């Protein structure tokens, strides 16, 4: 329902980024007006990494493309209601946990001694997203290290003055 709300309120083209298992959610998004469907693709669901399990195999990708082209959106009503959810978009508890793993934080590229003014070349952006979010990079640049910040460590607000 959130996608329908976006379409109605904004009158813009809407896409859907699907990280669910199976094809139903992608097919439902297409049936509701999504003009782009983003799915991860893998040649082997057993490979290491966070996305392979929820990625589509080559056969599943073909099946999804064919279903959307044919407008074959046959989804059981009870499953459809569950997928639709609510018109207000809020992350689930599970999504919040996953976000911490896939989002990125600001990390010290090298040891930053206490009292040093932090410059861009001292920093890198890496997972997990449990430190200062990468979108605040410019706010971290120019701050001073309150203590020694070891290289390859997440930078925390408490590390800065």
Protein backbone atom coordinates (compact mmCIF):
# COMPACT_ATOMS: atom_id res chain seq x y z
CA UNK A 1 0.00 0.00 0.00
CA UNK A 2 2.93 2.36 0.49
CA UNK A 3 3.70 2.17 -3.23
CA UNK A 4 0.07 2.96 -4.12
CA UNK A 5 0.19 5.94 -1.74
CA UNK A 6 3.38 7.22 -3.41
CA UNK A 7 1.82 6.94 -6.86
CA UNK A 8 -1.39 8.70 -5.77
CA UNK A 9 0.26 11.48 -3.74
CA UNK A 10 3.18 12.29 -6.05
CA UNK A 11 1.92 11.41 -9.53
CA UNK A 12 5.44 10.15 -10.27
CA UNK A 13 6.73 6.90 -11.72
CA UNK A 14 7.52 4.44 -8.94
CA UNK A 15 9.83 1.45 -8.81
CA UNK A 16 10.30 -1.32 -6.29
CA UNK A 17 13.50 -2.71 -4.77
CA UNK A 18 12.67 -6.27 -3.75
CA UNK A 19 14.77 -8.27 -1.30
CA UNK A 20 12.16 -10.90 -0.47
CA UNK A 21 12.29 -14.60 -1.23
CA UNK A 22 10.16 -15.75 -4.15
CA UNK A 23 8.58 -13.84 -7.00
CA UNK A 24 5.20 -12.81 -5.57
CA UNK A 25 6.25 -9.42 -4.16
CA UNK A 26 7.91 -8.36 -7.41
CA UNK A 27 4.90 -9.49 -9.44
CA UNK A 28 2.54 -7.64 -7.11
CA UNK A 29 4.64 -4.47 -7.35
CA UNK A 30 4.46 -4.65 -11.15
CA UNK A 31 0.70 -5.21 -11.03
CA UNK A 32 0.31 -2.10 -8.85
CA UNK A 33 2.21 0.13 -11.25
CA UNK A 34 5.92 -0.20 -10.49
CA UNK A 35 7.76 0.69 -13.69
CA UNK A 36 11.09 -0.71 -12.46
CA UNK A 37 11.69 -3.82 -10.37
CA UNK A 38 15.15 -4.19 -8.80
CA UNK A 39 16.19 -7.71 -7.84
CA UNK A 40 19.56 -9.15 -6.93
CA UNK A 41 20.76 -11.91 -9.24
CA UNK A 42 23.17 -14.75 -8.48
CA UNK A 43 24.56 -17.75 -10.27
CA UNK A 44 24.68 -19.64 -6.95
CA UNK A 45 22.51 -19.01 -3.87
CA UNK A 46 25.07 -20.83 -1.72
CA UNK A 47 27.84 -18.30 -2.32
CA UNK A 48 29.03 -16.26 0.64
CA UNK A 49 27.67 -12.77 1.12
CA UNK A 50 24.53 -11.10 2.40
CA UNK A 51 22.53 -11.03 -0.85
CA UNK A 52 22.86 -14.46 -2.45
CA UNK A 53 20.09 -16.20 -0.46
CA UNK A 54 17.47 -13.59 -1.46
CA UNK A 55 18.80 -13.25 -5.01
CA UNK A 56 17.14 -14.76 -8.04
CA UNK A 57 18.66 -17.65 -9.95
CA UNK A 58 18.83 -17.36 -13.76
CA UNK A 59 15.69 -19.52 -14.04
CA UNK A 60 13.78 -17.43 -11.48
CA UNK A 61 14.77 -14.21 -13.23
CA UNK A 62 13.45 -15.58 -16.56
CA UNK A 63 10.24 -16.66 -14.83
CA UNK A 64 9.75 -13.20 -13.27
CA UNK A 65 10.42 -11.34 -16.53
CA UNK A 66 8.01 -13.60 -18.43
CA UNK A 67 5.30 -13.23 -15.76
CA UNK A 68 5.57 -9.42 -15.82
CA UNK A 69 5.57 -9.29 -19.63
CA UNK A 70 2.47 -11.52 -19.75
CA UNK A 71 0.89 -9.63 -16.82
CA UNK A 72 0.60 -12.98 -15.01
CA UNK A 73 0.13 -11.70 -11.46
CA UNK A 74 -1.65 -14.70 -9.93
CA UNK A 75 -1.05 -14.34 -6.17
CA UNK A 76 -3.30 -15.90 -3.50
CA UNK A 77 -5.48 -13.24 -1.79
CA UNK A 78 -4.16 -13.91 1.75
CA UNK A 79 -0.55 -13.65 0.56
CA UNK A 80 -1.38 -10.50 -1.40
CA UNK A 81 -2.81 -8.81 1.72
CA UNK A 82 0.27 -9.77 3.73
CA UNK A 83 2.60 -8.39 1.05
CA UNK A 84 0.61 -5.16 0.68
CA UNK A 85 1.07 -4.23 4.32
CA UNK A 86 0.15 -0.69 5.33
CA UNK A 87 0.00 2.62 3.46
CA UNK A 88 2.49 4.15 5.92
CA UNK A 89 6.05 3.00 5.17
CA UNK A 90 7.87 2.02 8.35
CA UNK A 91 10.74 -0.48 8.59
CA UNK A 92 10.11 -3.73 10.43
CA UNK A 93 12.33 -4.80 13.32
CA UNK A 94 14.08 -7.24 11.00
CA UNK A 95 14.67 -4.51 8.38
CA UNK A 96 16.22 -2.24 11.02
CA UNK A 97 18.63 -5.04 11.99
CA UNK A 98 19.53 -5.75 8.37
CA UNK A 99 20.03 -2.02 7.71
CA UNK A 100 22.74 -1.92 10.36
CA UNK A 101 24.59 -4.66 8.48
CA UNK A 102 24.25 -3.26 4.96
CA UNK A 103 24.53 0.46 5.62
CA UNK A 104 27.95 2.02 5.82
CA UNK A 105 29.79 3.99 8.48
CA UNK A 106 32.80 6.28 8.66
CA UNK A 107 35.97 4.34 9.50
CA UNK A 108 39.52 5.46 10.30
CA UNK A 109 41.76 4.51 7.37
CA UNK A 110 44.82 4.69 9.66
CA UNK A 111 45.64 5.43 13.30
CA UNK A 112 44.49 8.98 14.11
CA UNK A 113 46.40 10.33 17.15
CA UNK A 114 44.61 12.21 19.94
CA UNK A 115 44.25 15.92 19.11
CA UNK A 116 44.67 15.45 15.35
CA UNK A 117 42.33 17.38 13.07
CA UNK A 118 40.61 14.81 10.90
CA UNK A 119 40.98 15.13 7.13
CA UNK A 120 39.17 13.29 4.34
CA UNK A 121 42.25 11.21 3.44
CA UNK A 122 42.21 9.71 6.98
CA UNK A 123 38.74 8.23 6.45
CA UNK A 124 37.07 5.45 4.49
CA UNK A 125 33.47 4.25 4.29
CA UNK A 126 32.75 0.62 5.21
CA UNK A 127 30.13 -1.75 6.55
CA UNK A 128 28.57 -2.22 9.09
CA UNK A 129 26.38 0.81 9.68
CA UNK A 130 26.81 0.83 13.45
CA UNK A 131 29.07 3.88 13.60
CA UNK A 132 28.53 7.40 12.31
CA UNK A 133 26.55 7.07 9.05
CA UNK A 134 28.52 7.81 5.88
CA UNK A 135 26.20 10.71 5.00
CA UNK A 136 27.84 12.69 7.84
CA UNK A 137 31.35 12.45 6.36
CA UNK A 138 31.63 16.22 5.82
CA UNK A 139 30.64 16.88 9.45
CA UNK A 140 33.41 14.56 10.72
CA UNK A 141 36.07 16.23 8.56
CA UNK A 142 37.62 19.07 10.53
CA UNK A 143 36.78 17.61 13.96
CA UNK A 144 39.59 16.66 16.35
CA UNK A 145 40.23 13.18 17.69
CA UNK A 146 39.40 13.15 21.41
CA UNK A 147 41.45 9.96 21.85
CA UNK A 148 43.60 7.74 19.67
CA UNK A 149 41.36 6.26 16.97
CA UNK A 150 42.87 3.00 15.72
CA UNK A 151 42.97 2.33 11.99
CA UNK A 152 40.12 0.22 10.59
CA UNK A 153 37.89 1.12 13.58
CA UNK A 154 34.45 2.66 13.25
CA UNK A 155 34.48 6.30 14.27
CA UNK A 156 31.99 7.09 17.03
CA UNK A 157 30.67 10.50 18.11
CA UNK A 158 32.48 10.00 21.44
CA UNK A 159 35.82 9.90 19.54
CA UNK A 160 35.39 13.50 18.35
CA UNK A 161 35.55 16.99 19.87
